[in-house]
PDB file of N, CA and C in Angstrom:
ATOM      1  N   UNK A   1     -70.924 -46.468  28.854  1.00  0.00           N
ATOM      2  CA  UNK A   1     -70.222 -46.211  27.627  1.00  0.00           C
ATOM      3  C   UNK A   1     -69.915 -47.515  26.884  1.00  0.00           C
ATOM      4  N   UNK A   2     -69.504 -48.565  27.624  1.00  0.00           N
ATOM      5  CA  UNK A   2     -69.168 -49.831  26.992  1.00  0.00           C
ATOM      6  C   UNK A   2     -70.382 -50.419  26.277  1.00  0.00           C
ATOM      7  N   UNK A   3     -71.554 -50.390  26.926  1.00  0.00           N
ATOM      8  CA  UNK A   3     -72.749 -50.961  26.296  1.00  0.00           C
ATOM      9  C   UNK A   3     -73.145 -50.164  25.056  1.00  0.00           C
ATOM     10  N   UNK A   4     -72.930 -48.848  25.066  1.00  0.00           N
ATOM     11  CA  UNK A   4     -73.217 -48.024  23.888  1.00  0.00           C
ATOM     12  C   UNK A   4     -72.278 -48.379  22.745  1.00  0.00           C
ATOM     13  N   UNK A   5     -71.008 -48.586  23.068  1.00  0.00           N
ATOM     14  CA  UNK A   5     -70.029 -48.962  22.058  1.00  0.00           C
ATOM     15  C   UNK A   5     -70.355 -50.343  21.495  1.00  0.00           C
ATOM     16  N   UNK A   6     -70.702 -51.285  22.350  1.00  0.00           N
ATOM     17  CA  UNK A   6     -71.057 -52.627  21.917  1.00  0.00           C
ATOM     18  C   UNK A   6     -72.292 -52.584  21.024  1.00  0.00           C
ATOM     19  N   UNK A   7     -73.280 -51.810  21.385  1.00  0.00           N
ATOM     20  CA  UNK A   7     -74.487 -51.658  20.577  1.00  0.00           C
ATOM     21  C   UNK A   7     -74.145 -51.083  19.213  1.00  0.00           C
ATOM     22  N   UNK A   8     -73.271 -50.106  19.174  1.00  0.00           N
ATOM     23  CA  UNK A   8     -72.852 -49.494  17.914  1.00  0.00           C
ATOM     24  C   UNK A   8     -72.121 -50.516  17.038  1.00  0.00           C
ATOM     25  N   UNK A   9     -71.234 -51.292  17.630  1.00  0.00           N
ATOM     26  CA  UNK A   9     -70.490 -52.309  16.872  1.00  0.00           C
ATOM     27  C   UNK A   9     -71.448 -53.358  16.319  1.00  0.00           C
ATOM     28  N   UNK A  10     -72.347 -53.836  17.153  1.00  0.00           N
ATOM     29  CA  UNK A  10     -73.298 -54.865  16.705  1.00  0.00           C
ATOM     30  C   UNK A  10     -74.229 -54.322  15.629  1.00  0.00           C
ATOM     31  N   UNK A  11     -74.639 -53.087  15.757  1.00  0.00           N
ATOM     32  CA  UNK A  11     -75.572 -52.493  14.805  1.00  0.00           C
ATOM     33  C   UNK A  11     -74.923 -52.235  13.449  1.00  0.00           C
ATOM     34  N   UNK A  12     -73.624 -52.006  13.432  1.00  0.00           N
ATOM     35  CA  UNK A  12     -72.961 -51.668  12.172  1.00  0.00           C
ATOM     36  C   UNK A  12     -72.161 -52.831  11.584  1.00  0.00           C
ATOM     37  N   UNK A  13     -72.080 -53.924  12.305  1.00  0.00           N
ATOM     38  CA  UNK A  13     -71.291 -55.062  11.822  1.00  0.00           C
ATOM     39  C   UNK A  13     -72.064 -55.864  10.788  1.00  0.00           C
ATOM     40  N   UNK A  14     -71.321 -56.429   9.870  1.00  0.00           N
ATOM     41  CA  UNK A  14     -71.906 -57.331   8.887  1.00  0.00           C
ATOM     42  C   UNK A  14     -72.157 -58.661   9.577  1.00  0.00           C
ATOM     43  N   UNK A  15     -73.337 -59.218   9.432  1.00  0.00           N
ATOM     44  CA  UNK A  15     -73.619 -60.508  10.081  1.00  0.00           C
ATOM     45  C   UNK A  15     -72.642 -61.572   9.586  1.00  0.00           C
ATOM     46  N   UNK A  16     -72.200 -62.403  10.495  1.00  0.00           N
ATOM     47  CA  UNK A  16     -71.281 -63.481  10.144  1.00  0.00           C
ATOM     48  C   UNK A  16     -72.052 -64.787  10.081  1.00  0.00           C
ATOM     49  N   UNK A  17     -71.734 -65.577   9.100  1.00  0.00           N
ATOM     50  CA  UNK A  17     -72.308 -66.911   9.001  1.00  0.00           C
ATOM     51  C   UNK A  17     -71.206 -67.879   9.391  1.00  0.00           C
ATOM     52  N   UNK A  18     -71.480 -68.638  10.423  1.00  0.00           N
ATOM     53  CA  UNK A  18     -70.502 -69.616  10.874  1.00  0.00           C
ATOM     54  C   UNK A  18     -71.007 -70.981  10.435  1.00  0.00           C
ATOM     55  N   UNK A  19     -70.240 -71.623   9.565  1.00  0.00           N
ATOM     56  CA  UNK A  19     -70.624 -72.925   9.063  1.00  0.00           C
ATOM     57  C   UNK A  19     -69.826 -73.998   9.787  1.00  0.00           C
ATOM     58  N   UNK A  20     -70.545 -75.026  10.228  1.00  0.00           N
ATOM     59  CA  UNK A  20     -69.870 -76.160  10.835  1.00  0.00           C
ATOM     60  C   UNK A  20     -69.562 -77.158   9.731  1.00  0.00           C
ATOM     61  N   UNK A  21     -68.438 -77.852   9.846  1.00  0.00           N
ATOM     62  CA  UNK A  21     -68.126 -78.855   8.829  1.00  0.00           C
ATOM     63  C   UNK A  21     -69.146 -79.989   8.870  1.00  0.00           C
ATOM     64  N   UNK A  22     -69.495 -80.489   7.707  1.00  0.00           N
ATOM     65  CA  UNK A  22     -70.462 -81.584   7.609  1.00  0.00           C
ATOM     66  C   UNK A  22     -69.674 -82.885   7.524  1.00  0.00           C
ATOM     67  N   UNK A  23     -70.030 -83.834   8.361  1.00  0.00           N
ATOM     68  CA  UNK A  23     -69.315 -85.109   8.386  1.00  0.00           C
ATOM     69  C   UNK A  23     -69.604 -85.918   7.126  1.00  0.00           C
ATOM     70  N   UNK A  24     -68.735 -86.873   6.844  1.00  0.00           N
ATOM     71  CA  UNK A  24     -68.949 -87.743   5.686  1.00  0.00           C
ATOM     72  C   UNK A  24     -70.214 -88.567   5.873  1.00  0.00           C
ATOM     73  N   UNK A  25     -70.553 -88.883   7.116  1.00  0.00           N
ATOM     74  CA  UNK A  25     -71.776 -89.636   7.389  1.00  0.00           C
ATOM     75  C   UNK A  25     -73.009 -88.825   6.985  1.00  0.00           C
ATOM     76  N   UNK A  26     -73.055 -87.561   7.391  1.00  0.00           N
ATOM     77  CA  UNK A  26     -74.188 -86.697   7.056  1.00  0.00           C
ATOM     78  C   UNK A  26     -74.268 -86.468   5.544  1.00  0.00           C
ATOM     79  N   UNK A  27     -73.124 -86.258   4.910  1.00  0.00           N
ATOM     80  CA  UNK A  27     -73.112 -86.076   3.457  1.00  0.00           C
ATOM     81  C   UNK A  27     -73.679 -87.301   2.748  1.00  0.00           C
ATOM     82  N   UNK A  28     -73.254 -88.472   3.179  1.00  0.00           N
ATOM     83  CA  UNK A  28     -73.710 -89.710   2.543  1.00  0.00           C
ATOM     84  C   UNK A  28     -75.201 -89.939   2.772  1.00  0.00           C
ATOM     85  N   UNK A  29     -75.673 -89.720   3.979  1.00  0.00           N
ATOM     86  CA  UNK A  29     -77.103 -89.871   4.266  1.00  0.00           C
ATOM     87  C   UNK A  29     -77.901 -88.913   3.387  1.00  0.00           C
ATOM     88  N   UNK A  30     -77.438 -87.687   3.252  1.00  0.00           N
ATOM     89  CA  UNK A  30     -78.124 -86.687   2.433  1.00  0.00           C
ATOM     90  C   UNK A  30     -78.179 -87.128   0.977  1.00  0.00           C
ATOM     91  N   UNK A  31     -77.075 -87.643   0.460  1.00  0.00           N
ATOM     92  CA  UNK A  31     -77.040 -88.110  -0.935  1.00  0.00           C
ATOM     93  C   UNK A  31     -77.973 -89.295  -1.158  1.00  0.00           C
ATOM     94  N   UNK A  32     -77.968 -90.246  -0.246  1.00  0.00           N
ATOM     95  CA  UNK A  32     -78.725 -91.487  -0.428  1.00  0.00           C
ATOM     96  C   UNK A  32     -80.213 -91.308  -0.145  1.00  0.00           C
ATOM     97  N   UNK A  33     -80.566 -90.541   0.880  1.00  0.00           N
ATOM     98  CA  UNK A  33     -81.961 -90.442   1.306  1.00  0.00           C
ATOM     99  C   UNK A  33     -82.715 -89.238   0.754  1.00  0.00           C
ATOM    100  N   UNK A  34     -82.026 -88.275   0.171  1.00  0.00           N
ATOM    101  CA  UNK A  34     -82.708 -87.131  -0.416  1.00  0.00           C
ATOM    102  C   UNK A  34     -83.628 -86.432   0.563  1.00  0.00           C
ATOM    103  N   UNK A  35     -84.901 -86.310   0.206  1.00  0.00           N
ATOM    104  CA  UNK A  35     -85.868 -85.572   1.029  1.00  0.00           C
ATOM    105  C   UNK A  35     -86.082 -86.196   2.410  1.00  0.00           C
ATOM    106  N   UNK A  36     -85.777 -87.464   2.557  1.00  0.00           N
ATOM    107  CA  UNK A  36     -85.934 -88.144   3.848  1.00  0.00           C
ATOM    108  C   UNK A  36     -84.683 -88.038   4.715  1.00  0.00           C
ATOM    109  N   UNK A  37     -83.670 -87.356   4.224  1.00  0.00           N
ATOM    110  CA  UNK A  37     -82.400 -87.253   4.955  1.00  0.00           C
ATOM    111  C   UNK A  37     -82.540 -86.661   6.357  1.00  0.00           C
ATOM    112  N   UNK A  38     -83.316 -85.589   6.567  1.00  0.00           N
ATOM    113  CA  UNK A  38     -83.390 -85.049   7.934  1.00  0.00           C
ATOM    114  C   UNK A  38     -83.862 -86.084   8.972  1.00  0.00           C
ATOM    115  N   UNK A  39     -84.866 -86.867   8.616  1.00  0.00           N
ATOM    116  CA  UNK A  39     -85.339 -87.917   9.521  1.00  0.00           C
ATOM    117  C   UNK A  39     -84.258 -88.966   9.734  1.00  0.00           C
ATOM    118  N   UNK A  40     -83.608 -89.392   8.660  1.00  0.00           N
ATOM    119  CA  UNK A  40     -82.608 -90.439   8.779  1.00  0.00           C
ATOM    120  C   UNK A  40     -81.351 -89.960   9.501  1.00  0.00           C
ATOM    121  N   UNK A  41     -81.050 -88.684   9.418  1.00  0.00           N
ATOM    122  CA  UNK A  41     -79.936 -88.124  10.196  1.00  0.00           C
ATOM    123  C   UNK A  41     -80.287 -88.173  11.678  1.00  0.00           C
ATOM    124  N   UNK A  42     -81.539 -87.861  12.019  1.00  0.00           N
ATOM    125  CA  UNK A  42     -81.971 -87.957  13.428  1.00  0.00           C
ATOM    126  C   UNK A  42     -81.873 -89.405  13.910  1.00  0.00           C
ATOM    127  N   UNK A  43     -82.315 -90.345  13.071  1.00  0.00           N
ATOM    128  CA  UNK A  43     -82.260 -91.757  13.454  1.00  0.00           C
ATOM    129  C   UNK A  43     -80.815 -92.195  13.665  1.00  0.00           C
ATOM    130  N   UNK A  44     -79.936 -91.894  12.718  1.00  0.00           N
ATOM    131  CA  UNK A  44     -78.529 -92.274  12.860  1.00  0.00           C
ATOM    132  C   UNK A  44     -77.895 -91.603  14.075  1.00  0.00           C
ATOM    133  N   UNK A  45     -78.324 -90.390  14.363  1.00  0.00           N
ATOM    134  CA  UNK A  45     -77.819 -89.694  15.540  1.00  0.00           C
ATOM    135  C   UNK A  45     -78.198 -90.448  16.813  1.00  0.00           C
ATOM    136  N   UNK A  46     -79.414 -90.937  16.863  1.00  0.00           N
ATOM    137  CA  UNK A  46     -79.863 -91.700  18.034  1.00  0.00           C
ATOM    138  C   UNK A  46     -79.220 -93.081  18.091  1.00  0.00           C
ATOM    139  N   UNK A  47     -79.045 -93.693  16.943  1.00  0.00           N
ATOM    140  CA  UNK A  47     -78.495 -95.051  16.895  1.00  0.00           C
ATOM    141  C   UNK A  47     -76.995 -95.087  17.194  1.00  0.00           C
ATOM    142  N   UNK A  48     -76.234 -94.144  16.642  1.00  0.00           N
ATOM    143  CA  UNK A  48     -74.773 -94.233  16.736  1.00  0.00           C
ATOM    144  C   UNK A  48     -74.091 -92.897  17.006  1.00  0.00           C
ATOM    145  N   UNK A  49     -74.848 -91.905  17.404  1.00  0.00           N
ATOM    146  CA  UNK A  49     -74.315 -90.547  17.575  1.00  0.00           C
ATOM    147  C   UNK A  49     -73.684 -90.031  16.280  1.00  0.00           C
ATOM    148  N   UNK A  50     -74.218 -90.491  15.156  1.00  0.00           N
ATOM    149  CA  UNK A  50     -73.746 -90.138  13.813  1.00  0.00           C
ATOM    150  C   UNK A  50     -72.290 -90.537  13.570  1.00  0.00           C
ATOM    151  N   UNK A  51     -71.871 -91.622  14.207  1.00  0.00           N
ATOM    152  CA  UNK A  51     -70.515 -92.137  14.009  1.00  0.00           C
ATOM    153  C   UNK A  51     -70.603 -93.565  13.492  1.00  0.00           C
ATOM    154  N   UNK A  52     -70.036 -93.797  12.322  1.00  0.00           N
ATOM    155  CA  UNK A  52     -69.949 -95.166  11.824  1.00  0.00           C
ATOM    156  C   UNK A  52     -68.813 -95.894  12.532  1.00  0.00           C
ATOM    157  N   UNK A  53     -67.726 -95.164  12.743  1.00  0.00           N
ATOM    158  CA  UNK A  53     -66.558 -95.733  13.419  1.00  0.00           C
ATOM    159  C   UNK A  53     -65.961 -94.679  14.341  1.00  0.00           C
ATOM    160  N   UNK A  54     -65.336 -95.149  15.392  1.00  0.00           N
ATOM    161  CA  UNK A  54     -64.639 -94.269  16.330  1.00  0.00           C
ATOM    162  C   UNK A  54     -63.217 -94.811  16.474  1.00  0.00           C
ATOM    163  N   UNK A  55     -62.261 -93.940  16.235  1.00  0.00           N
ATOM    164  CA  UNK A  55     -60.847 -94.337  16.280  1.00  0.00           C
ATOM    165  C   UNK A  55     -60.570 -95.539  15.374  1.00  0.00           C
ATOM    166  N   UNK A  56     -61.214 -95.551  14.207  1.00  0.00           N
ATOM    167  CA  UNK A  56     -60.982 -96.602  13.228  1.00  0.00           C
ATOM    168  C   UNK A  56     -61.719 -97.901  13.483  1.00  0.00           C
ATOM    169  N   UNK A  57     -62.492 -97.968  14.562  1.00  0.00           N
ATOM    170  CA  UNK A  57     -63.239 -99.185  14.899  1.00  0.00           C
ATOM    171  C   UNK A  57     -64.727 -98.935  14.709  1.00  0.00           C
ATOM    172  N   UNK A  58     -65.369 -99.793  13.912  1.00  0.00           N
ATOM    173  CA  UNK A  58     -66.793 -99.639  13.637  1.00  0.00           C
ATOM    174  C   UNK A  58     -67.578 -99.741  14.939  1.00  0.00           C
ATOM    175  N   UNK A  59     -68.539 -98.840  15.109  1.00  0.00           N
ATOM    176  CA  UNK A  59     -69.384 -98.819  16.295  1.00  0.00           C
ATOM    177  C   UNK A  59     -70.252-100.073  16.307  1.00  0.00           C
ATOM    178  N   UNK A  60     -70.152-100.853  17.381  1.00  0.00           N
ATOM    179  CA  UNK A  60     -70.939-102.077  17.515  1.00  0.00           C
ATOM    180  C   UNK A  60     -71.597-102.119  18.889  1.00  0.00           C
ATOM    181  N   UNK A  61     -72.811-102.676  18.917  1.00  0.00           N
ATOM    182  CA  UNK A  61     -73.508-102.838  20.195  1.00  0.00           C
ATOM    183  C   UNK A  61     -73.301-104.259  20.713  1.00  0.00           C
ATOM    184  N   UNK A  62     -73.692-104.471  21.939  1.00  0.00           N
ATOM    185  CA  UNK A  62     -73.591-105.799  22.552  1.00  0.00           C
ATOM    186  C   UNK A  62     -74.530-106.801  21.887  1.00  0.00           C
ATOM    187  N   UNK A  63     -75.537-106.293  21.195  1.00  0.00           N
ATOM    188  CA  UNK A  63     -76.531-107.186  20.576  1.00  0.00           C
ATOM    189  C   UNK A  63     -76.242-107.476  19.105  1.00  0.00           C
ATOM    190  N   UNK A  64     -75.064-107.080  18.632  1.00  0.00           N
ATOM    191  CA  UNK A  64     -74.685-107.403  17.261  1.00  0.00           C
ATOM    192  C   UNK A  64     -75.089-106.370  16.229  1.00  0.00           C
ATOM    193  N   UNK A  65     -75.451-105.183  16.667  1.00  0.00           N
ATOM    194  CA  UNK A  65     -75.778-104.104  15.737  1.00  0.00           C
ATOM    195  C   UNK A  65     -74.483-103.382  15.378  1.00  0.00           C
ATOM    196  N   UNK A  66     -74.368-102.955  14.114  1.00  0.00           N
ATOM    197  CA  UNK A  66     -73.111-102.322  13.731  1.00  0.00           C
ATOM    198  C   UNK A  66     -73.290-101.101  12.846  1.00  0.00           C
ATOM    199  N   UNK A  67     -72.356-100.177  13.024  1.00  0.00           N
ATOM    200  CA  UNK A  67     -72.245 -99.030  12.149  1.00  0.00           C
ATOM    201  C   UNK A  67     -73.222 -97.905  12.414  1.00  0.00           C
ATOM    202  N   UNK A  68     -73.259 -97.012  11.459  1.00  0.00           N
ATOM    203  CA  UNK A  68     -74.029 -95.779  11.535  1.00  0.00           C
ATOM    204  C   UNK A  68     -75.499 -96.014  11.876  1.00  0.00           C
ATOM    205  N   UNK A  69     -76.134 -96.948  11.181  1.00  0.00           N
ATOM    206  CA  UNK A  69     -77.552 -97.226  11.407  1.00  0.00           C
ATOM    207  C   UNK A  69     -77.781 -98.451  12.280  1.00  0.00           C
ATOM    208  N   UNK A  70     -76.706 -98.960  12.900  1.00  0.00           N
ATOM    209  CA  UNK A  70     -76.798-100.092  13.809  1.00  0.00           C
ATOM    210  C   UNK A  70     -77.578-101.257  13.174  1.00  0.00           C
ATOM    211  N   UNK A  71     -77.063-101.707  12.052  1.00  0.00           N
ATOM    212  CA  UNK A  71     -77.663-102.822  11.326  1.00  0.00           C
ATOM    213  C   UNK A  71     -77.393-104.112  12.091  1.00  0.00           C
ATOM    214  N   UNK A  72     -78.461-104.860  12.380  1.00  0.00           N
ATOM    215  CA  UNK A  72     -78.362-106.071  13.166  1.00  0.00           C
ATOM    216  C   UNK A  72     -77.995-107.273  12.304  1.00  0.00           C
ATOM    217  N   UNK A  73     -77.304-108.211  12.907  1.00  0.00           N
ATOM    218  CA  UNK A  73     -76.882-109.428  12.197  1.00  0.00           C
ATOM    219  C   UNK A  73     -78.050-110.321  11.787  1.00  0.00           C
ATOM    220  N   UNK A  74     -79.241-110.030  12.269  1.00  0.00           N
ATOM    221  CA  UNK A  74     -80.423-110.768  11.818  1.00  0.00           C
ATOM    222  C   UNK A  74     -80.613-110.590  10.307  1.00  0.00           C
ATOM    223  N   UNK A  75     -80.020-109.550   9.760  1.00  0.00           N
ATOM    224  CA  UNK A  75     -80.127-109.248   8.331  1.00  0.00           C
ATOM    225  C   UNK A  75     -79.009-109.884   7.503  1.00  0.00           C
ATOM    226  N   UNK A  76     -78.176-110.700   8.131  1.00  0.00           N
ATOM    227  CA  UNK A  76     -76.992-111.248   7.470  1.00  0.00           C
ATOM    228  C   UNK A  76     -77.308-111.921   6.134  1.00  0.00           C
ATOM    229  N   UNK A  77     -78.318-112.747   6.088  1.00  0.00           N
ATOM    230  CA  UNK A  77     -78.654-113.456   4.847  1.00  0.00           C
ATOM    231  C   UNK A  77     -78.987-112.471   3.715  1.00  0.00           C
ATOM    232  N   UNK A  78     -79.789-111.467   4.040  1.00  0.00           N
ATOM    233  CA  UNK A  78     -80.167-110.467   3.032  1.00  0.00           C
ATOM    234  C   UNK A  78     -78.970-109.601   2.643  1.00  0.00           C
ATOM    235  N   UNK A  79     -78.159-109.241   3.619  1.00  0.00           N
ATOM    236  CA  UNK A  79     -76.939-108.476   3.338  1.00  0.00           C
ATOM    237  C   UNK A  79     -76.026-109.260   2.387  1.00  0.00           C
ATOM    238  N   UNK A  80     -75.872-110.555   2.654  1.00  0.00           N
ATOM    239  CA  UNK A  80     -75.046-111.401   1.789  1.00  0.00           C
ATOM    240  C   UNK A  80     -75.627-111.468   0.380  1.00  0.00           C
ATOM    241  N   UNK A  81     -76.941-111.618   0.290  1.00  0.00           N
ATOM    242  CA  UNK A  81     -77.595-111.686  -1.020  1.00  0.00           C
ATOM    243  C   UNK A  81     -77.353-110.403  -1.816  1.00  0.00           C
ATOM    244  N   UNK A  82     -77.392-109.275  -1.124  1.00  0.00           N
ATOM    245  CA  UNK A  82     -77.179-107.975  -1.771  1.00  0.00           C
ATOM    246  C   UNK A  82     -75.696-107.604  -1.893  1.00  0.00           C
ATOM    247  N   UNK A  83     -74.845-108.478  -1.358  1.00  0.00           N
ATOM    248  CA  UNK A  83     -73.393-108.238  -1.371  1.00  0.00           C
ATOM    249  C   UNK A  83     -73.030-106.921  -0.678  1.00  0.00           C
ATOM    250  N   UNK A  84     -73.645-106.710   0.497  1.00  0.00           N
ATOM    251  CA  UNK A  84     -73.380-105.511   1.293  1.00  0.00           C
ATOM    252  C   UNK A  84     -72.753-105.914   2.622  1.00  0.00           C
ATOM    253  N   UNK A  85     -71.825-105.116   3.078  1.00  0.00           N
ATOM    254  CA  UNK A  85     -71.147-105.345   4.346  1.00  0.00           C
ATOM    255  C   UNK A  85     -71.445-104.153   5.257  1.00  0.00           C
ATOM    256  N   UNK A  86     -72.248-104.348   6.309  1.00  0.00           N
ATOM    257  CA  UNK A  86     -72.623-103.217   7.167  1.00  0.00           C
ATOM    258  C   UNK A  86     -71.453-102.607   7.927  1.00  0.00           C
ATOM    259  N   UNK A  87     -70.299-103.258   7.875  1.00  0.00           N
ATOM    260  CA  UNK A  87     -69.115-102.696   8.520  1.00  0.00           C
ATOM    261  C   UNK A  87     -68.482-101.611   7.657  1.00  0.00           C
ATOM    262  N   UNK A  88     -68.896-101.524   6.398  1.00  0.00           N
ATOM    263  CA  UNK A  88     -68.452-100.453   5.498  1.00  0.00           C
ATOM    264  C   UNK A  88     -69.512 -99.364   5.523  1.00  0.00           C
ATOM    265  N   UNK A  89     -69.102 -98.117   5.694  1.00  0.00           N
ATOM    266  CA  UNK A  89     -70.026 -96.994   5.817  1.00  0.00           C
ATOM    267  C   UNK A  89     -71.028 -96.943   4.670  1.00  0.00           C
ATOM    268  N   UNK A  90     -70.543 -96.986   3.444  1.00  0.00           N
ATOM    269  CA  UNK A  90     -71.439 -96.871   2.285  1.00  0.00           C
ATOM    270  C   UNK A  90     -72.464 -97.993   2.251  1.00  0.00           C
ATOM    271  N   UNK A  91     -72.027 -99.220   2.562  1.00  0.00           N
ATOM    272  CA  UNK A  91     -72.952-100.360   2.568  1.00  0.00           C
ATOM    273  C   UNK A  91     -73.952-100.261   3.706  1.00  0.00           C
ATOM    274  N   UNK A  92     -73.528 -99.741   4.844  1.00  0.00           N
ATOM    275  CA  UNK A  92     -74.418 -99.566   5.985  1.00  0.00           C
ATOM    276  C   UNK A  92     -75.552 -98.621   5.609  1.00  0.00           C
ATOM    277  N   UNK A  93     -75.211 -97.520   4.945  1.00  0.00           N
ATOM    278  CA  UNK A  93     -76.218 -96.535   4.534  1.00  0.00           C
ATOM    279  C   UNK A  93     -77.094 -97.109   3.408  1.00  0.00           C
ATOM    280  N   UNK A  94     -76.502 -97.819   2.473  1.00  0.00           N
ATOM    281  CA  UNK A  94     -77.292 -98.435   1.386  1.00  0.00           C
ATOM    282  C   UNK A  94     -78.305 -99.427   1.948  1.00  0.00           C
ATOM    283  N   UNK A  95     -77.875-100.214   2.928  1.00  0.00           N
ATOM    284  CA  UNK A  95     -78.807-101.186   3.504  1.00  0.00           C
ATOM    285  C   UNK A  95     -79.884-100.482   4.329  1.00  0.00           C
ATOM    286  N   UNK A  96     -79.531 -99.411   5.015  1.00  0.00           N
ATOM    287  CA  UNK A  96     -80.544 -98.633   5.731  1.00  0.00           C
ATOM    288  C   UNK A  96     -81.581 -98.106   4.753  1.00  0.00           C
ATOM    289  N   UNK A  97     -81.139 -97.652   3.593  1.00  0.00           N
ATOM    290  CA  UNK A  97     -82.059 -97.170   2.553  1.00  0.00           C
ATOM    291  C   UNK A  97     -82.945 -98.311   2.056  1.00  0.00           C
ATOM    292  N   UNK A  98     -82.342 -99.467   1.867  1.00  0.00           N
ATOM    293  CA  UNK A  98     -83.077-100.676   1.452  1.00  0.00           C
ATOM    294  C   UNK A  98     -84.191-100.976   2.462  1.00  0.00           C
ATOM    295  N   UNK A  99     -83.847-100.966   3.756  1.00  0.00           N
ATOM    296  CA  UNK A  99     -84.839-101.223   4.800  1.00  0.00           C
ATOM    297  C   UNK A  99     -85.916-100.137   4.815  1.00  0.00           C
ATOM    298  N   UNK A 100     -85.489 -98.896   4.717  1.00  0.00           N
ATOM    299  CA  UNK A 100     -86.411 -97.761   4.737  1.00  0.00           C
ATOM    300  C   UNK A 100     -87.399 -97.830   3.573  1.00  0.00           C
ATOM    301  N   UNK A 101     -86.910 -98.165   2.388  1.00  0.00           N
ATOM    302  CA  UNK A 101     -87.785 -98.253   1.216  1.00  0.00           C
ATOM    303  C   UNK A 101     -88.816 -99.366   1.354  1.00  0.00           C
ATOM    304  N   UNK A 102     -88.498-100.399   2.115  1.00  0.00           N
ATOM    305  CA  UNK A 102     -89.410-101.532   2.273  1.00  0.00           C
ATOM    306  C   UNK A 102     -90.378-101.375   3.442  1.00  0.00           C
ATOM    307  N   UNK A 103     -89.906-100.759   4.533  1.00  0.00           N
ATOM    308  CA  UNK A 103     -90.782-100.704   5.711  1.00  0.00           C
ATOM    309  C   UNK A 103     -90.687 -99.404   6.496  1.00  0.00           C
ATOM    310  N   UNK A 104     -90.278 -98.340   5.849  1.00  0.00           N
ATOM    311  CA  UNK A 104     -90.200 -97.054   6.542  1.00  0.00           C
ATOM    312  C   UNK A 104     -89.218 -97.105   7.697  1.00  0.00           C
ATOM    313  N   UNK A 105     -89.610 -96.575   8.827  1.00  0.00           N
ATOM    314  CA  UNK A 105     -88.717 -96.482   9.986  1.00  0.00           C
ATOM    315  C   UNK A 105     -88.888 -97.651  10.966  1.00  0.00           C
ATOM    316  N   UNK A 106     -89.632 -98.658  10.563  1.00  0.00           N
ATOM    317  CA  UNK A 106     -89.916 -99.812  11.424  1.00  0.00           C
ATOM    318  C   UNK A 106     -88.646-100.443  12.012  1.00  0.00           C
ATOM    319  N   UNK A 107     -87.582-100.503  11.241  1.00  0.00           N
ATOM    320  CA  UNK A 107     -86.340-101.136  11.714  1.00  0.00           C
ATOM    321  C   UNK A 107     -85.687-100.379  12.863  1.00  0.00           C
ATOM    322  N   UNK A 108     -86.054 -99.144  13.056  1.00  0.00           N
ATOM    323  CA  UNK A 108     -85.458 -98.327  14.125  1.00  0.00           C
ATOM    324  C   UNK A 108     -86.493 -97.985  15.205  1.00  0.00           C
ATOM    325  N   UNK A 109     -87.478 -98.854  15.337  1.00  0.00           N
ATOM    326  CA  UNK A 109     -88.568 -98.654  16.298  1.00  0.00           C
ATOM    327  C   UNK A 109     -88.048 -98.454  17.725  1.00  0.00           C
ATOM    328  N   UNK A 110     -87.034 -99.219  18.118  1.00  0.00           N
ATOM    329  CA  UNK A 110     -86.576 -99.186  19.505  1.00  0.00           C
ATOM    330  C   UNK A 110     -85.938 -97.852  19.891  1.00  0.00           C
ATOM    331  N   UNK A 111     -85.518 -97.069  18.932  1.00  0.00           N
ATOM    332  CA  UNK A 111     -84.945 -95.764  19.262  1.00  0.00           C
ATOM    333  C   UNK A 111     -85.920 -94.621  18.956  1.00  0.00           C
ATOM    334  N   UNK A 112     -87.168 -94.979  18.678  1.00  0.00           N
ATOM    335  CA  UNK A 112     -88.169 -93.975  18.283  1.00  0.00           C
ATOM    336  C   UNK A 112     -88.331 -92.842  19.291  1.00  0.00           C
ATOM    337  N   UNK A 113     -88.264 -93.153  20.579  1.00  0.00           N
ATOM    338  CA  UNK A 113     -88.416 -92.103  21.595  1.00  0.00           C
ATOM    339  C   UNK A 113     -87.355 -91.022  21.443  1.00  0.00           C
ATOM    340  N   UNK A 114     -86.223 -91.388  20.899  1.00  0.00           N
ATOM    341  CA  UNK A 114     -85.135 -90.434  20.694  1.00  0.00           C
ATOM    342  C   UNK A 114     -85.346 -89.605  19.428  1.00  0.00           C
ATOM    343  N   UNK A 115     -85.599 -90.246  18.280  1.00  0.00           N
ATOM    344  CA  UNK A 115     -85.614 -89.533  17.005  1.00  0.00           C
ATOM    345  C   UNK A 115     -86.961 -88.947  16.602  1.00  0.00           C
ATOM    346  N   UNK A 116     -88.038 -89.335  17.260  1.00  0.00           N
ATOM    347  CA  UNK A 116     -89.360 -88.854  16.832  1.00  0.00           C
ATOM    348  C   UNK A 116     -89.736 -87.505  17.444  1.00  0.00           C
ATOM    349  N   UNK A 117     -88.884 -86.950  18.263  1.00  0.00           N
ATOM    350  CA  UNK A 117     -89.184 -85.666  18.933  1.00  0.00           C
ATOM    351  C   UNK A 117     -89.024 -84.510  17.982  1.00  0.00           C
TER     352      UNK A 117
END
C-alpha cells in the first residue's frame, strides 16, 4: 500500500526545481569569460576549489600561486604593468582572462588532468 501511495504522489506531484546558490566566483567567471566560462569554472575548481579566499584569507599555495586561478608571482611584472592585484578577486579573474586570451589554457597545464575530464 505504501509503494502505491508513493507512486500516486510522485505521479501527481508538480516537479520541483531546486536551485543551488551561485557563488560570486562563478558569477564573475561567467561574466568575464562568456562562452568559455564552463571550461574556466572547471579550471578554477581544480586550482582553488572555486574559492578565492577562505575565512577572509586569499587562497595561496606554497609555490606563490594565489587566488581563484592560482596566479603565480612569476607574472608580477606584467600584473604591475596592468595595475592588477591577484589578491583581489576581480583582478585575479581579469588576469586569468588576459592569460587565456593570449595562450588559451597553457597557464593551467599542471592541473590539466583534473579539468580536462
